[in-house]
Amino acid sequence: MAESKLPYFICGLGIGAALGILYAPRSGEETREELRNRAYEGREYVRRRTGEGQEYVRERAGESREYLKKRSEEGREYVRERSTELKEKAEEVVQKGRGAVETQRGQLAAALEAGRKAYREATVTGSEPAADSAEASEA
């Protein structure tokens, strides 16, 4: 909180110093020299504070970069784990599907064989009575 009031204090200090110099009983040359010195000090203060600000920003940028790098790696690891899990689940589903297809294939083959057998029996038994009825109609 004290730091947020510091710029106002410095500004007030500068204004007070400038007014004091202007109303001080000095010669024009001394007053101009004093103003130059104060301007130089003000410029140096701004440079110093700007340098501090730049350093602060660099530090925070470095911290942010490290944080983002860490979070990015965590994200990659999460994606790797999830993709591995999904591949495993997909393989399980494929295997279950293959098992179901094999079961259905077996059932279909059995049904087909039963149909063939029933057809053979029907054609074999169906032709015998026809031969018997033909013989019976001739007689």
Protein backbone atom coordinates (compact mmCIF):
# COMPACT_ATOMS: atom_id res chain seq x y z
CA MET A 1 0.00 0.00 0.00
CA ALA A 2 2.88 2.35 0.78
CA GLU A 3 4.33 1.67 -2.66
CA SER A 4 1.18 2.87 -4.40
CA LYS A 5 1.55 6.30 -2.68
CA LEU A 6 5.25 6.62 -3.47
CA PRO A 7 4.80 8.15 -6.94
CA TYR A 8 2.47 10.80 -5.50
CA PHE A 9 4.96 11.59 -2.78
CA ILE A 10 7.79 11.93 -5.28
CA CYS A 11 5.68 14.10 -7.56
CA GLY A 12 4.74 16.36 -4.63
CA LEU A 13 8.35 16.48 -3.55
CA GLY A 14 9.38 17.56 -7.05
CA ILE A 15 6.70 20.24 -7.26
CA GLY A 16 7.60 21.52 -3.81
CA ALA A 17 11.29 21.63 -4.70
CA ALA A 18 10.56 23.45 -7.96
CA LEU A 19 8.42 26.06 -6.17
CA GLY A 20 11.05 26.45 -3.46
CA ILE A 21 13.75 27.01 -6.04
CA LEU A 22 11.68 29.54 -7.96
CA TYR A 23 10.93 31.57 -4.86
CA ALA A 24 14.38 31.18 -3.31
CA PRO A 25 16.63 34.22 -3.23
CA ARG A 26 19.17 32.96 -5.77
CA SER A 27 20.51 34.32 -8.96
CA GLY A 28 19.06 33.24 -12.31
CA GLU A 29 22.14 31.20 -13.11
CA GLU A 30 21.99 29.32 -9.81
CA THR A 31 18.28 28.69 -10.26
CA ARG A 32 18.78 27.34 -13.78
CA GLU A 33 21.61 25.11 -12.58
CA GLU A 34 19.42 23.81 -9.77
CA LEU A 35 16.58 23.11 -12.23
CA ARG A 36 18.98 21.21 -14.53
CA ASN A 37 20.19 19.13 -11.60
CA ARG A 38 16.64 18.34 -10.51
CA ALA A 39 15.64 17.41 -14.07
CA TYR A 40 18.67 15.12 -14.30
CA GLU A 41 17.78 13.49 -10.97
CA GLY A 42 14.20 13.03 -12.13
CA ARG A 43 15.34 11.47 -15.39
CA GLU A 44 17.68 9.11 -13.52
CA TYR A 45 14.87 8.15 -11.17
CA VAL A 46 12.61 7.32 -14.11
CA ARG A 47 15.38 5.28 -15.77
CA ARG A 48 16.04 3.37 -12.58
CA ARG A 49 12.35 2.64 -12.01
CA THR A 50 11.92 1.67 -15.66
CA GLY A 51 14.84 -0.76 -15.35
CA GLU A 52 13.30 -2.23 -12.21
CA GLY A 53 9.98 -2.59 -14.03
CA GLN A 54 11.65 -4.31 -16.95
CA GLU A 55 13.43 -6.71 -14.63
CA TYR A 56 10.16 -7.47 -12.86
CA VAL A 57 8.47 -8.18 -16.19
CA ARG A 58 11.36 -10.44 -17.28
CA GLU A 59 11.15 -12.42 -14.04
CA ARG A 60 7.39 -12.83 -14.33
CA ALA A 61 7.69 -13.80 -18.00
CA GLY A 62 10.27 -16.45 -17.08
CA GLU A 63 8.02 -17.79 -14.33
CA SER A 64 5.06 -17.81 -16.70
CA ARG A 65 7.10 -19.61 -19.35
CA GLU A 66 8.13 -22.29 -16.86
CA TYR A 67 4.57 -22.65 -15.61
CA LEU A 68 3.20 -23.01 -19.14
CA LYS A 69 5.94 -25.47 -20.05
CA LYS A 70 5.10 -27.59 -17.01
CA ARG A 71 1.35 -27.48 -17.67
CA SER A 72 1.93 -28.28 -21.34
CA GLU A 73 3.94 -31.37 -20.44
CA GLU A 74 1.26 -32.43 -17.97
CA GLY A 75 -1.33 -32.02 -20.73
CA ARG A 76 0.73 -34.12 -23.14
CA GLU A 77 1.10 -36.84 -20.52
CA TYR A 78 -2.65 -36.80 -19.87
CA VAL A 79 -3.36 -37.13 -23.59
CA ARG A 80 -0.88 -40.03 -23.87
CA GLU A 81 -2.50 -41.85 -20.96
CA ARG A 82 -6.02 -41.32 -22.27
CA SER A 83 -5.07 -42.40 -25.79
CA THR A 84 -3.49 -45.57 -24.40
CA GLU A 85 -6.64 -46.28 -22.41
CA LEU A 86 -8.83 -45.64 -25.44
CA LYS A 87 -6.71 -47.93 -27.61
CA GLU A 88 -7.00 -50.70 -25.04
CA LYS A 89 -10.77 -50.25 -24.80
CA ALA A 90 -11.06 -50.21 -28.59
CA GLU A 91 -9.10 -53.46 -28.78
CA GLU A 92 -11.42 -55.00 -26.18
CA VAL A 93 -14.46 -53.91 -28.19
CA VAL A 94 -12.94 -55.31 -31.40
CA GLN A 95 -12.21 -58.63 -29.69
CA LYS A 96 -15.76 -58.81 -28.30
CA GLY A 97 -17.07 -57.98 -31.78
CA ARG A 98 -14.95 -60.72 -33.32
CA GLY A 99 -16.24 -63.16 -30.71
CA ALA A 100 -19.82 -62.16 -31.45
CA VAL A 101 -19.22 -62.54 -35.19
CA GLU A 102 -17.72 -65.99 -34.66
CA THR A 103 -20.68 -66.98 -32.50
CA GLN A 104 -23.13 -65.72 -35.11
CA ARG A 105 -21.15 -67.44 -37.86
CA GLY A 106 -21.35 -70.74 -35.95
CA GLN A 107 -25.06 -70.30 -35.36
CA LEU A 108 -25.63 -69.41 -39.01
CA ALA A 109 -23.61 -72.43 -40.17
CA ALA A 110 -25.61 -74.67 -37.85
CA ALA A 111 -28.90 -73.19 -39.08
CA LEU A 112 -27.78 -73.57 -42.68
CA GLU A 113 -26.78 -77.17 -42.12
CA ALA A 114 -30.11 -77.83 -40.39
CA GLY A 115 -31.90 -76.27 -43.36
CA ARG A 116 -29.95 -78.42 -45.82
CA LYS A 117 -30.70 -81.52 -43.79
CA ALA A 118 -34.41 -80.65 -43.62
CA TYR A 119 -34.44 -79.99 -47.37
CA ARG A 120 -32.77 -83.33 -48.10
CA GLU A 121 -35.17 -85.15 -45.85
CA ALA A 122 -38.12 -83.37 -47.44
CA THR A 123 -36.97 -84.10 -50.97
CA VAL A 124 -36.10 -87.70 -50.24
CA THR A 125 -39.34 -88.39 -48.40
CA GLY A 126 -41.33 -86.19 -50.76
CA SER A 127 -40.24 -88.13 -53.88
CA GLU A 128 -40.96 -91.58 -52.44
CA PRO A 129 -44.64 -90.93 -51.88
CA ALA A 130 -44.87 -89.49 -55.36
CA ALA A 131 -43.40 -92.73 -56.76
CA ASP A 132 -45.80 -94.76 -54.65
CA SER A 133 -48.76 -92.72 -55.85
CA ALA A 134 -47.67 -93.11 -59.48
CA GLU A 135 -47.51 -96.86 -59.05
CA ALA A 136 -50.85 -96.80 -57.35
CA SER A 137 -52.50 -94.87 -60.16
CA GLU A 138 -51.15 -97.32 -62.77
CA ALA A 139 -52.54 -100.24 -60.97
